[in-house]
């Protein structure tokens, strides 16, 4: 998955480079900065002393020493001062400068903290939006795996309005689905039949009016197109390049090559849905595409209800969807 939000300690990330939300002096401090210096050892501080500090929005690179990565990229985020003093542009520059340095040094995997959202006071939901938007834009034109590392739940916050809207949608759809299931179970129990027997009887009732069953050979000879064939047809219909679609789906090039070359390839459910999001399919088209990989959207799955919410809203930014899924402790979309 090119961009993944993970809950972890950034000093434990086994990647090519980790990004340090540093002080302008580069001589260590509190929070993430202090943890990285402590884990790397005194050699990191010695090298940082030779760099002459770092300006806001800029980035500098050092060795990682005792950390399980090759490099530490140090960047200085803006101090929040109400949002009207260029803070957003400076924060965007932090991510762009860090990613550019990582690319120059041949890094394939990079881990970021949520820059400036700690002692610098940048509102967490806005800091998250800047991080995801800037990294996502970079990944549309570059092959790299980027982790946004969140140490604890309190450090992660999506827009309060978005969270409440999704929570309300879940209440209206997810809870109702489970309530209907419980009501049906009670009805079956009161009928005096075991649930399985009642289900069989209800399913058997319409069989008398059904069309005679076709032979197995006939059914197998008239299979619908599979996931791979349907996906490629949809990409052609969209007029987009393959690379644009798989990057918008948060899927790497190697996996897309497998899907393209193997007509029988069966992706994970999260990958299948990710392609539907990238192609901006409506709900019916999404259900059809993922059904060809053997999946369905279920009202008894919180993750599926959240995805349905975004599709109904016409919101197809996979990184925003993944923010919401992470906020509700659900699996992210992509490979």
C-alpha atoms as a PDB file:
ATOM      1  CA  UNK A   1       0.000   0.000   0.000  1.00  0.00           C
ATOM      2  CA  UNK A   2       1.735   3.250  -1.087  1.00  0.00           C
ATOM      3  CA  UNK A   3       0.267   5.287   1.809  1.00  0.00           C
ATOM      4  CA  UNK A   4      -0.670   3.616   5.056  1.00  0.00           C
ATOM      5  CA  UNK A   5      -1.680   5.063   8.418  1.00  0.00           C
ATOM      6  CA  UNK A   6      -0.282   2.900  11.210  1.00  0.00           C
ATOM      7  CA  UNK A   7      -0.239   3.040  14.984  1.00  0.00           C
ATOM      8  CA  UNK A   8       3.335   2.483  16.107  1.00  0.00           C
ATOM      9  CA  UNK A   9       6.450   4.016  17.627  1.00  0.00           C
ATOM     10  CA  UNK A  10       8.294   5.691  14.744  1.00  0.00           C
ATOM     11  CA  UNK A  11      11.677   4.692  16.232  1.00  0.00           C
ATOM     12  CA  UNK A  12      10.654   1.042  15.717  1.00  0.00           C
ATOM     13  CA  UNK A  13       9.813   1.409  12.017  1.00  0.00           C
ATOM     14  CA  UNK A  14      12.010  -0.730   9.754  1.00  0.00           C
ATOM     15  CA  UNK A  15      12.097   1.562   6.719  1.00  0.00           C
ATOM     16  CA  UNK A  16      14.700   3.328   4.601  1.00  0.00           C
ATOM     17  CA  UNK A  17      14.114   6.660   6.338  1.00  0.00           C
ATOM     18  CA  UNK A  18      12.123   8.110   9.193  1.00  0.00           C
ATOM     19  CA  UNK A  19      11.216  11.778   9.386  1.00  0.00           C
ATOM     20  CA  UNK A  20      11.939  13.737  12.550  1.00  0.00           C
ATOM     21  CA  UNK A  21       9.695  16.647  13.522  1.00  0.00           C
ATOM     22  CA  UNK A  22      12.689  18.657  14.683  1.00  0.00           C
ATOM     23  CA  UNK A  23      13.469  21.914  16.420  1.00  0.00           C
ATOM     24  CA  UNK A  24      15.145  24.602  14.286  1.00  0.00           C
ATOM     25  CA  UNK A  25      18.489  23.979  16.049  1.00  0.00           C
ATOM     26  CA  UNK A  26      18.356  20.234  15.165  1.00  0.00           C
ATOM     27  CA  UNK A  27      19.842  19.613  18.610  1.00  0.00           C
ATOM     28  CA  UNK A  28      16.971  17.572  19.977  1.00  0.00           C
ATOM     29  CA  UNK A  29      13.945  18.444  22.047  1.00  0.00           C
ATOM     30  CA  UNK A  30      10.802  16.835  23.386  1.00  0.00           C
ATOM     31  CA  UNK A  31       8.185  14.600  21.781  1.00  0.00           C
ATOM     32  CA  UNK A  32       9.124  12.735  18.616  1.00  0.00           C
ATOM     33  CA  UNK A  33      12.383  14.707  18.325  1.00  0.00           C
ATOM     34  CA  UNK A  34      13.613  13.627  21.745  1.00  0.00           C
ATOM     35  CA  UNK A  35      12.565   9.993  21.242  1.00  0.00           C
ATOM     36  CA  UNK A  36      14.443   9.772  17.929  1.00  0.00           C
ATOM     37  CA  UNK A  37      17.642  11.267  19.381  1.00  0.00           C
ATOM     38  CA  UNK A  38      17.478   8.962  22.370  1.00  0.00           C
ATOM     39  CA  UNK A  39      16.965   5.858  20.236  1.00  0.00           C
ATOM     40  CA  UNK A  40      19.642   6.820  17.686  1.00  0.00           C
ATOM     41  CA  UNK A  41      22.311   7.562  20.289  1.00  0.00           C
ATOM     42  CA  UNK A  42      24.754  10.469  20.742  1.00  0.00           C
ATOM     43  CA  UNK A  43      26.224  10.055  17.261  1.00  0.00           C
ATOM     44  CA  UNK A  44      23.058  11.564  15.768  1.00  0.00           C
ATOM     45  CA  UNK A  45      23.396  14.702  17.858  1.00  0.00           C
ATOM     46  CA  UNK A  46      27.056  14.996  16.895  1.00  0.00           C
ATOM     47  CA  UNK A  47      26.200  14.933  13.185  1.00  0.00           C
ATOM     48  CA  UNK A  48      23.300  17.364  13.673  1.00  0.00           C
ATOM     49  CA  UNK A  49      25.666  19.881  15.277  1.00  0.00           C
ATOM     50  CA  UNK A  50      27.484  20.116  11.949  1.00  0.00           C
ATOM     51  CA  UNK A  51      24.342  21.003   9.947  1.00  0.00           C
ATOM     52  CA  UNK A  52      23.886  24.542  11.249  1.00  0.00           C
ATOM     53  CA  UNK A  53      20.204  24.199  12.033  1.00  0.00           C
ATOM     54  CA  UNK A  54      17.249  24.079   9.655  1.00  0.00           C
ATOM     55  CA  UNK A  55      14.656  26.624   8.509  1.00  0.00           C
ATOM     56  CA  UNK A  56      10.898  26.168   8.851  1.00  0.00           C
ATOM     57  CA  UNK A  57       9.556  24.070   5.981  1.00  0.00           C
ATOM     58  CA  UNK A  58      13.037  22.841   5.031  1.00  0.00           C
ATOM     59  CA  UNK A  59      14.587  19.402   5.539  1.00  0.00           C
ATOM     60  CA  UNK A  60      18.052  17.940   6.110  1.00  0.00           C
ATOM     61  CA  UNK A  61      19.237  14.342   6.191  1.00  0.00           C
ATOM     62  CA  UNK A  62      21.587  12.381   8.458  1.00  0.00           C
ATOM     63  CA  UNK A  63      22.541   8.800   9.136  1.00  0.00           C
ATOM     64  CA  UNK A  64      20.288   6.843  11.498  1.00  0.00           C
ATOM     65  CA  UNK A  65      22.943   5.183  13.673  1.00  0.00           C
ATOM     66  CA  UNK A  66      21.226   2.880  16.191  1.00  0.00           C
ATOM     67  CA  UNK A  67      17.771   3.184  14.627  1.00  0.00           C
ATOM     68  CA  UNK A  68      16.439   0.325  12.421  1.00  0.00           C
ATOM     69  CA  UNK A  69      16.540   2.524   9.293  1.00  0.00           C
ATOM     70  CA  UNK A  70      19.186   4.044   7.006  1.00  0.00           C
ATOM     71  CA  UNK A  71      18.439   7.741   7.348  1.00  0.00           C
ATOM     72  CA  UNK A  72      16.753  10.323   9.525  1.00  0.00           C
ATOM     73  CA  UNK A  73      15.244  13.250   7.641  1.00  0.00           C
ATOM     74  CA  UNK A  74      14.885  16.274   9.911  1.00  0.00           C
ATOM     75  CA  UNK A  75      12.234  18.879   9.090  1.00  0.00           C
ATOM     76  CA  UNK A  76      11.022  21.898  11.040  1.00  0.00           C
ATOM     77  CA  UNK A  77       7.287  22.448  11.115  1.00  0.00           C
ATOM     78  CA  UNK A  78       5.510  25.779  11.615  1.00  0.00           C
ATOM     79  CA  UNK A  79       4.358  26.980  15.005  1.00  0.00           C
ATOM     80  CA  UNK A  80       0.585  27.458  14.841  1.00  0.00           C
ATOM     81  CA  UNK A  81      -0.355  31.118  15.080  1.00  0.00           C
ATOM     82  CA  UNK A  82      -3.993  31.081  14.046  1.00  0.00           C
ATOM     83  CA  UNK A  83      -3.527  29.802  10.507  1.00  0.00           C
ATOM     84  CA  UNK A  84      -3.238  33.140   8.726  1.00  0.00           C
ATOM     85  CA  UNK A  85       0.564  33.422   8.792  1.00  0.00           C
ATOM     86  CA  UNK A  86       1.474  30.902   6.093  1.00  0.00           C
ATOM     87  CA  UNK A  87       1.397  27.884   8.399  1.00  0.00           C
ATOM     88  CA  UNK A  88      -0.247  25.596   5.861  1.00  0.00           C
ATOM     89  CA  UNK A  89       2.229  26.429   3.096  1.00  0.00           C
ATOM     90  CA  UNK A  90       5.125  25.856   5.486  1.00  0.00           C
ATOM     91  CA  UNK A  91       3.728  22.503   6.606  1.00  0.00           C
ATOM     92  CA  UNK A  92       3.202  21.416   2.998  1.00  0.00           C
ATOM     93  CA  UNK A  93       6.839  22.355   2.372  1.00  0.00           C
ATOM     94  CA  UNK A  94       7.943  20.107   5.254  1.00  0.00           C
ATOM     95  CA  UNK A  95       6.414  17.058   3.572  1.00  0.00           C
ATOM     96  CA  UNK A  96       7.524  17.989   0.056  1.00  0.00           C
ATOM     97  CA  UNK A  97      11.114  18.732   1.128  1.00  0.00           C
ATOM     98  CA  UNK A  98      11.337  15.508   3.119  1.00  0.00           C
ATOM     99  CA  UNK A  99       9.932  13.386   0.291  1.00  0.00           C
ATOM    100  CA  UNK A 100      12.300  15.032  -2.205  1.00  0.00           C
ATOM    101  CA  UNK A 101      15.292  14.195   0.014  1.00  0.00           C
ATOM    102  CA  UNK A 102      14.079  10.623   0.406  1.00  0.00           C
ATOM    103  CA  UNK A 103      13.769  10.268  -3.371  1.00  0.00           C
ATOM    104  CA  UNK A 104      17.246  11.755  -3.945  1.00  0.00           C
ATOM    105  CA  UNK A 105      18.748   9.178  -1.581  1.00  0.00           C
ATOM    106  CA  UNK A 106      16.966   6.227  -3.194  1.00  0.00           C
ATOM    107  CA  UNK A 107      14.536   5.561  -0.359  1.00  0.00           C
ATOM    108  CA  UNK A 108      11.686   3.215  -1.183  1.00  0.00           C
ATOM    109  CA  UNK A 109      10.028   3.331   2.243  1.00  0.00           C
ATOM    110  CA  UNK A 110       9.587   6.405   4.473  1.00  0.00           C
ATOM    111  CA  UNK A 111       7.815   6.907   7.806  1.00  0.00           C
ATOM    112  CA  UNK A 112       6.429  10.286   8.895  1.00  0.00           C
ATOM    113  CA  UNK A 113       5.060  11.470  12.215  1.00  0.00           C
ATOM    114  CA  UNK A 114       2.213  13.979  12.174  1.00  0.00           C
ATOM    115  CA  UNK A 115       4.432  17.052  11.839  1.00  0.00           C
ATOM    116  CA  UNK A 116       3.718  20.148  13.971  1.00  0.00           C
ATOM    117  CA  UNK A 117       0.670  18.608  15.656  1.00  0.00           C
ATOM    118  CA  UNK A 118       2.361  18.317  19.050  1.00  0.00           C
ATOM    119  CA  UNK A 119       4.114  21.106  20.916  1.00  0.00           C
ATOM    120  CA  UNK A 120       3.943  23.383  17.847  1.00  0.00           C
ATOM    121  CA  UNK A 121       0.167  23.482  18.294  1.00  0.00           C
ATOM    122  CA  UNK A 122      -1.030  22.814  14.726  1.00  0.00           C
ATOM    123  CA  UNK A 123      -4.653  21.537  14.980  1.00  0.00           C
ATOM    124  CA  UNK A 124      -4.520  17.766  14.596  1.00  0.00           C
ATOM    125  CA  UNK A 125      -7.342  17.426  12.074  1.00  0.00           C
ATOM    126  CA  UNK A 126      -5.830  20.123   9.841  1.00  0.00           C
ATOM    127  CA  UNK A 127      -2.312  18.714  10.223  1.00  0.00           C
ATOM    128  CA  UNK A 128      -3.624  15.300   9.194  1.00  0.00           C
ATOM    129  CA  UNK A 129      -5.374  16.748   6.134  1.00  0.00           C
ATOM    130  CA  UNK A 130      -2.184  18.516   5.001  1.00  0.00           C
ATOM    131  CA  UNK A 131      -0.119  15.357   5.521  1.00  0.00           C
ATOM    132  CA  UNK A 132      -2.467  13.075   3.591  1.00  0.00           C
ATOM    133  CA  UNK A 133      -3.088  15.540   0.752  1.00  0.00           C
ATOM    134  CA  UNK A 134       0.618  16.335   0.251  1.00  0.00           C
ATOM    135  CA  UNK A 135       1.855  12.754   0.493  1.00  0.00           C
ATOM    136  CA  UNK A 136      -1.002  11.554  -1.733  1.00  0.00           C
ATOM    137  CA  UNK A 137      -0.160  14.122  -4.415  1.00  0.00           C
ATOM    138  CA  UNK A 138       3.496  13.040  -4.330  1.00  0.00           C
ATOM    139  CA  UNK A 139       2.597   9.360  -4.682  1.00  0.00           C
ATOM    140  CA  UNK A 140       0.547  10.004  -7.816  1.00  0.00           C
ATOM    141  CA  UNK A 141       3.853  10.699  -9.599  1.00  0.00           C
ATOM    142  CA  UNK A 142       6.366   8.634  -7.605  1.00  0.00           C
ATOM    143  CA  UNK A 143       6.774   4.996  -6.600  1.00  0.00           C
ATOM    144  CA  UNK A 144       7.377   4.967  -2.856  1.00  0.00           C
ATOM    145  CA  UNK A 145       5.748   3.430   0.208  1.00  0.00           C
ATOM    146  CA  UNK A 146       4.955   6.005   2.873  1.00  0.00           C
ATOM    147  CA  UNK A 147       3.771   5.368   6.421  1.00  0.00           C
ATOM    148  CA  UNK A 148       2.043   8.011   8.501  1.00  0.00           C
ATOM    149  CA  UNK A 149       2.863   6.836  12.014  1.00  0.00           C
ATOM    150  CA  UNK A 150       0.463   7.655  14.840  1.00  0.00           C
ATOM    151  CA  UNK A 151       1.769   6.798  18.308  1.00  0.00           C
ATOM    152  CA  UNK A 152      -1.575   6.846  20.128  1.00  0.00           C
ATOM    153  CA  UNK A 153      -5.260   7.357  19.434  1.00  0.00           C
ATOM    154  CA  UNK A 154      -5.187  10.803  21.080  1.00  0.00           C
ATOM    155  CA  UNK A 155      -2.687  11.948  18.414  1.00  0.00           C
ATOM    156  CA  UNK A 156      -5.119  11.171  15.584  1.00  0.00           C
ATOM    157  CA  UNK A 157      -8.148  13.291  14.788  1.00  0.00           C
ATOM    158  CA  UNK A 158     -10.226  13.693  11.652  1.00  0.00           C
ATOM    159  CA  UNK A 159     -12.600  16.601  11.185  1.00  0.00           C
ATOM    160  CA  UNK A 160     -15.199  16.654  13.948  1.00  0.00           C
ATOM    161  CA  UNK A 161     -17.955  17.310  11.420  1.00  0.00           C
ATOM    162  CA  UNK A 162     -16.873  14.384   9.231  1.00  0.00           C
ATOM    163  CA  UNK A 163     -16.586  12.067  12.243  1.00  0.00           C
ATOM    164  CA  UNK A 164     -20.074  12.971  13.475  1.00  0.00           C
ATOM    165  CA  UNK A 165     -21.591  12.596   9.987  1.00  0.00           C
ATOM    166  CA  UNK A 166     -20.071   9.141   9.571  1.00  0.00           C
ATOM    167  CA  UNK A 167     -21.062   8.116  13.092  1.00  0.00           C
ATOM    168  CA  UNK A 168     -24.651   9.183  12.379  1.00  0.00           C
ATOM    169  CA  UNK A 169     -24.651   7.259   9.087  1.00  0.00           C
ATOM    170  CA  UNK A 170     -23.340   4.154  10.887  1.00  0.00           C
ATOM    171  CA  UNK A 171     -26.073   4.510  13.507  1.00  0.00           C
ATOM    172  CA  UNK A 172     -28.738   4.753  10.806  1.00  0.00           C
ATOM    173  CA  UNK A 173     -27.517   1.800   8.735  1.00  0.00           C
ATOM    174  CA  UNK A 174     -25.205  -0.503  10.694  1.00  0.00           C
ATOM    175  CA  UNK A 175     -27.297  -0.528  13.895  1.00  0.00           C
ATOM    176  CA  UNK A 176     -30.561  -0.917  11.979  1.00  0.00           C
ATOM    177  CA  UNK A 177     -29.176  -3.918  10.133  1.00  0.00           C
ATOM    178  CA  UNK A 178     -28.270  -5.642  13.390  1.00  0.00           C
ATOM    179  CA  UNK A 179     -31.613  -4.675  14.932  1.00  0.00           C
ATOM    180  CA  UNK A 180     -33.447  -6.220  11.962  1.00  0.00           C
ATOM    181  CA  UNK A 181     -31.384  -9.397  12.345  1.00  0.00           C
ATOM    182  CA  UNK A 182     -32.251  -9.654  16.043  1.00  0.00           C
ATOM    183  CA  UNK A 183     -35.928  -9.089  15.295  1.00  0.00           C
ATOM    184  CA  UNK A 184     -35.871 -11.837  12.661  1.00  0.00           C
ATOM    185  CA  UNK A 185     -34.137 -14.209  15.076  1.00  0.00           C
ATOM    186  CA  UNK A 186     -36.793 -13.529  17.742  1.00  0.00           C
ATOM    187  CA  UNK A 187     -39.561 -14.093  15.195  1.00  0.00           C
ATOM    188  CA  UNK A 188     -38.118 -17.470  14.255  1.00  0.00           C
ATOM    189  CA  UNK A 189     -37.720 -18.481  17.895  1.00  0.00           C
ATOM    190  CA  UNK A 190     -41.350 -17.580  18.623  1.00  0.00           C
ATOM    191  CA  UNK A 191     -42.494 -19.646  15.624  1.00  0.00           C
ATOM    192  CA  UNK A 192     -41.238 -22.736  17.425  1.00  0.00           C
ATOM    193  CA  UNK A 193     -38.744 -23.593  14.678  1.00  0.00           C
ATOM    194  CA  UNK A 194     -34.982 -23.675  15.016  1.00  0.00           C
ATOM    195  CA  UNK A 195     -33.421 -20.703  13.161  1.00  0.00           C
ATOM    196  CA  UNK A 196     -31.828 -22.931  10.519  1.00  0.00           C
ATOM    197  CA  UNK A 197     -35.075 -24.829   9.840  1.00  0.00           C
ATOM    198  CA  UNK A 198     -37.036 -21.586   9.599  1.00  0.00           C
ATOM    199  CA  UNK A 199     -34.494 -20.194   7.198  1.00  0.00           C
ATOM    200  CA  UNK A 200     -34.682 -23.306   5.048  1.00  0.00           C
ATOM    201  CA  UNK A 201     -38.489 -23.155   4.970  1.00  0.00           C
ATOM    202  CA  UNK A 202     -38.472 -19.462   3.988  1.00  0.00           C
ATOM    203  CA  UNK A 203     -35.947 -20.109   1.236  1.00  0.00           C
ATOM    204  CA  UNK A 204     -37.742 -23.169  -0.033  1.00  0.00           C
ATOM    205  CA  UNK A 205     -41.114 -21.474  -0.473  1.00  0.00           C
ATOM    206  CA  UNK A 206     -40.519 -19.718  -3.799  1.00  0.00           C
ATOM    207  CA  UNK A 207     -38.883 -22.740  -5.469  1.00  0.00           C
ATOM    208  CA  UNK A 208     -42.160 -23.972  -6.937  1.00  0.00           C
ATOM    209  CA  UNK A 209     -42.382 -20.991  -9.283  1.00  0.00           C
ATOM    210  CA  UNK A 210     -38.709 -20.854 -10.191  1.00  0.00           C
ATOM    211  CA  UNK A 211     -37.175 -21.577 -13.586  1.00  0.00           C
ATOM    212  CA  UNK A 212     -35.929 -25.189 -13.966  1.00  0.00           C
ATOM    213  CA  UNK A 213     -32.290 -25.536 -12.933  1.00  0.00           C
ATOM    214  CA  UNK A 214     -29.708 -25.431 -15.709  1.00  0.00           C
ATOM    215  CA  UNK A 215     -27.075 -28.107 -15.959  1.00  0.00           C
ATOM    216  CA  UNK A 216     -23.669 -27.496 -14.362  1.00  0.00           C
ATOM    217  CA  UNK A 217     -21.876 -27.644 -17.729  1.00  0.00           C
ATOM    218  CA  UNK A 218     -24.265 -25.024 -19.116  1.00  0.00           C
ATOM    219  CA  UNK A 219     -23.726 -22.743 -16.105  1.00  0.00           C
ATOM    220  CA  UNK A 220     -19.934 -23.038 -16.320  1.00  0.00           C
ATOM    221  CA  UNK A 221     -20.014 -22.284 -20.036  1.00  0.00           C
ATOM    222  CA  UNK A 222     -21.767 -18.963 -19.447  1.00  0.00           C
ATOM    223  CA  UNK A 223     -19.754 -17.424 -16.625  1.00  0.00           C
ATOM    224  CA  UNK A 224     -19.707 -13.643 -16.376  1.00  0.00           C
ATOM    225  CA  UNK A 225     -16.430 -11.774 -16.849  1.00  0.00           C
ATOM    226  CA  UNK A 226     -14.138 -12.002 -13.834  1.00  0.00           C
ATOM    227  CA  UNK A 227     -12.704  -9.188 -11.742  1.00  0.00           C
ATOM    228  CA  UNK A 228      -9.549  -8.644 -13.793  1.00  0.00           C
ATOM    229  CA  UNK A 229     -11.330  -8.486 -17.145  1.00  0.00           C
ATOM    230  CA  UNK A 230     -14.037  -6.197 -15.784  1.00  0.00           C
ATOM    231  CA  UNK A 231     -11.527  -3.884 -14.109  1.00  0.00           C
ATOM    232  CA  UNK A 232      -9.498  -3.461 -17.296  1.00  0.00           C
ATOM    233  CA  UNK A 233     -12.654  -2.761 -19.265  1.00  0.00           C
ATOM    234  CA  UNK A 234     -13.689  -0.111 -16.737  1.00  0.00           C
ATOM    235  CA  UNK A 235     -10.248   1.509 -16.910  1.00  0.00           C
ATOM    236  CA  UNK A 236     -10.511   1.672 -20.713  1.00  0.00           C
ATOM    237  CA  UNK A 237     -13.988   3.170 -20.390  1.00  0.00           C
ATOM    238  CA  UNK A 238     -12.701   5.832 -17.986  1.00  0.00           C
ATOM    239  CA  UNK A 239     -10.052   6.993 -20.468  1.00  0.00           C
ATOM    240  CA  UNK A 240      -7.432   7.058 -17.692  1.00  0.00           C
ATOM    241  CA  UNK A 241      -3.961   5.588 -17.715  1.00  0.00           C
ATOM    242  CA  UNK A 242      -3.364   2.382 -15.759  1.00  0.00           C
ATOM    243  CA  UNK A 243      -0.843   4.152 -13.527  1.00  0.00           C
ATOM    244  CA  UNK A 244      -3.316   6.888 -12.648  1.00  0.00           C
ATOM    245  CA  UNK A 245      -5.919   4.344 -11.593  1.00  0.00           C
ATOM    246  CA  UNK A 246      -3.727   2.057  -9.489  1.00  0.00           C
ATOM    247  CA  UNK A 247      -2.098   5.008  -7.733  1.00  0.00           C
ATOM    248  CA  UNK A 248      -5.502   6.536  -6.979  1.00  0.00           C
ATOM    249  CA  UNK A 249      -6.462   3.122  -5.612  1.00  0.00           C
ATOM    250  CA  UNK A 250      -3.468   3.183  -3.225  1.00  0.00           C
ATOM    251  CA  UNK A 251      -2.147   0.019  -4.916  1.00  0.00           C
ATOM    252  CA  UNK A 252       1.433  -0.520  -5.997  1.00  0.00           C
ATOM    253  CA  UNK A 253       2.555  -1.264  -9.547  1.00  0.00           C
ATOM    254  CA  UNK A 254       3.617  -4.865  -8.855  1.00  0.00           C
ATOM    255  CA  UNK A 255       0.185  -5.893  -7.626  1.00  0.00           C
ATOM    256  CA  UNK A 256      -1.553  -4.193 -10.536  1.00  0.00           C
ATOM    257  CA  UNK A 257       0.734  -6.109 -12.924  1.00  0.00           C
ATOM    258  CA  UNK A 258      -0.427  -9.380 -11.328  1.00  0.00           C
ATOM    259  CA  UNK A 259      -4.067  -8.393 -11.746  1.00  0.00           C
ATOM    260  CA  UNK A 260      -3.520  -7.365 -15.369  1.00  0.00           C
ATOM    261  CA  UNK A 261      -1.610 -10.504 -16.345  1.00  0.00           C
ATOM    262  CA  UNK A 262      -3.805 -13.072 -14.575  1.00  0.00           C
ATOM    263  CA  UNK A 263      -7.485 -13.155 -15.663  1.00  0.00           C
ATOM    264  CA  UNK A 264      -8.266 -15.403 -12.668  1.00  0.00           C
ATOM    265  CA  UNK A 265      -6.511 -13.255 -10.069  1.00  0.00           C
ATOM    266  CA  UNK A 266      -8.625 -12.739  -6.941  1.00  0.00           C
ATOM    267  CA  UNK A 267      -7.679  -9.586  -5.012  1.00  0.00           C
ATOM    268  CA  UNK A 268      -8.424  -8.930  -1.360  1.00  0.00           C
ATOM    269  CA  UNK A 269     -11.706  -7.193  -0.630  1.00  0.00           C
ATOM    270  CA  UNK A 270      -9.905  -3.972   0.353  1.00  0.00           C
ATOM    271  CA  UNK A 271      -8.063  -3.957  -2.990  1.00  0.00           C
ATOM    272  CA  UNK A 272     -11.230  -4.625  -4.993  1.00  0.00           C
ATOM    273  CA  UNK A 273     -13.065  -1.768  -3.269  1.00  0.00           C
ATOM    274  CA  UNK A 274     -10.037   0.509  -3.698  1.00  0.00           C
ATOM    275  CA  UNK A 275     -10.272   0.156  -7.484  1.00  0.00           C
ATOM    276  CA  UNK A 276     -13.984   0.967  -7.372  1.00  0.00           C
ATOM    277  CA  UNK A 277     -13.126   4.139  -5.449  1.00  0.00           C
ATOM    278  CA  UNK A 278     -10.332   5.055  -7.875  1.00  0.00           C
ATOM    279  CA  UNK A 279     -12.722   4.676 -10.822  1.00  0.00           C
ATOM    280  CA  UNK A 280     -15.415   6.676  -8.968  1.00  0.00           C
ATOM    281  CA  UNK A 281     -18.032   3.967  -9.467  1.00  0.00           C
ATOM    282  CA  UNK A 282     -21.501   4.460  -8.050  1.00  0.00           C
ATOM    283  CA  UNK A 283     -22.883   2.042  -5.468  1.00  0.00           C
ATOM    284  CA  UNK A 284     -24.415  -0.387  -7.973  1.00  0.00           C
ATOM    285  CA  UNK A 285     -21.254  -0.467 -10.080  1.00  0.00           C
ATOM    286  CA  UNK A 286     -19.115  -0.943  -6.967  1.00  0.00           C
ATOM    287  CA  UNK A 287     -21.198  -3.882  -5.849  1.00  0.00           C
ATOM    288  CA  UNK A 288     -20.983  -5.425  -9.303  1.00  0.00           C
ATOM    289  CA  UNK A 289     -17.181  -5.042  -9.535  1.00  0.00           C
ATOM    290  CA  UNK A 290     -16.389  -6.500  -6.111  1.00  0.00           C
ATOM    291  CA  UNK A 291     -18.933  -9.306  -6.626  1.00  0.00           C
ATOM    292  CA  UNK A 292     -16.779 -10.496  -9.525  1.00  0.00           C
ATOM    293  CA  UNK A 293     -14.019 -11.080  -6.951  1.00  0.00           C
ATOM    294  CA  UNK A 294     -16.456 -12.877  -4.646  1.00  0.00           C
ATOM    295  CA  UNK A 295     -17.265 -10.034  -2.225  1.00  0.00           C
ATOM    296  CA  UNK A 296     -20.247  -7.926  -1.198  1.00  0.00           C
ATOM    297  CA  UNK A 297     -20.943  -4.769   0.775  1.00  0.00           C
ATOM    298  CA  UNK A 298     -22.692  -5.793   3.967  1.00  0.00           C
ATOM    299  CA  UNK A 299     -24.820  -3.640   6.298  1.00  0.00           C
ATOM    300  CA  UNK A 300     -23.435  -5.759   9.157  1.00  0.00           C
ATOM    301  CA  UNK A 301     -19.865  -4.579   8.440  1.00  0.00           C
ATOM    302  CA  UNK A 302     -18.921  -1.190   9.900  1.00  0.00           C
ATOM    303  CA  UNK A 303     -16.160  -0.827   7.311  1.00  0.00           C
ATOM    304  CA  UNK A 304     -18.594  -1.447   4.440  1.00  0.00           C
ATOM    305  CA  UNK A 305     -21.088   1.051   5.848  1.00  0.00           C
ATOM    306  CA  UNK A 306     -18.372   3.734   6.040  1.00  0.00           C
ATOM    307  CA  UNK A 307     -17.355   3.045   2.429  1.00  0.00           C
ATOM    308  CA  UNK A 308     -20.997   3.199   1.353  1.00  0.00           C
ATOM    309  CA  UNK A 309     -21.296   6.577   3.099  1.00  0.00           C
ATOM    310  CA  UNK A 310     -18.460   8.057   1.023  1.00  0.00           C
ATOM    311  CA  UNK A 311     -19.772   6.620  -2.254  1.00  0.00           C
ATOM    312  CA  UNK A 312     -23.259   7.998  -1.601  1.00  0.00           C
ATOM    313  CA  UNK A 313     -21.679  11.386  -0.833  1.00  0.00           C
ATOM    314  CA  UNK A 314     -19.725  11.265  -4.117  1.00  0.00           C
ATOM    315  CA  UNK A 315     -16.426  11.495  -2.209  1.00  0.00           C
ATOM    316  CA  UNK A 316     -13.754   9.362  -3.865  1.00  0.00           C
ATOM    317  CA  UNK A 317     -10.529  10.489  -2.183  1.00  0.00           C
ATOM    318  CA  UNK A 318      -9.165   7.147  -0.990  1.00  0.00           C
ATOM    319  CA  UNK A 319      -6.819   8.806   1.477  1.00  0.00           C
ATOM    320  CA  UNK A 320      -9.711  10.656   3.140  1.00  0.00           C
ATOM    321  CA  UNK A 321     -11.661   7.388   3.263  1.00  0.00           C
ATOM    322  CA  UNK A 322      -8.685   5.668   4.877  1.00  0.00           C
ATOM    323  CA  UNK A 323      -8.459   8.455   7.464  1.00  0.00           C
ATOM    324  CA  UNK A 324     -12.067   7.722   8.406  1.00  0.00           C
ATOM    325  CA  UNK A 325     -11.555   3.953   8.440  1.00  0.00           C
ATOM    326  CA  UNK A 326      -8.529   4.381  10.714  1.00  0.00           C
ATOM    327  CA  UNK A 327     -10.508   6.673  13.023  1.00  0.00           C
ATOM    328  CA  UNK A 328     -13.140   3.934  13.399  1.00  0.00           C
ATOM    329  CA  UNK A 329     -10.519   1.154  13.819  1.00  0.00           C
ATOM    330  CA  UNK A 330     -11.245  -0.461  10.448  1.00  0.00           C
ATOM    331  CA  UNK A 331      -8.928  -1.950   7.829  1.00  0.00           C
ATOM    332  CA  UNK A 332      -7.633   0.544   5.270  1.00  0.00           C
ATOM    333  CA  UNK A 333      -8.268   0.352   1.517  1.00  0.00           C
ATOM    334  CA  UNK A 334      -5.511  -0.576  -0.906  1.00  0.00           C
ATOM    335  CA  UNK A 335      -3.146  -3.455  -1.339  1.00  0.00           C
END
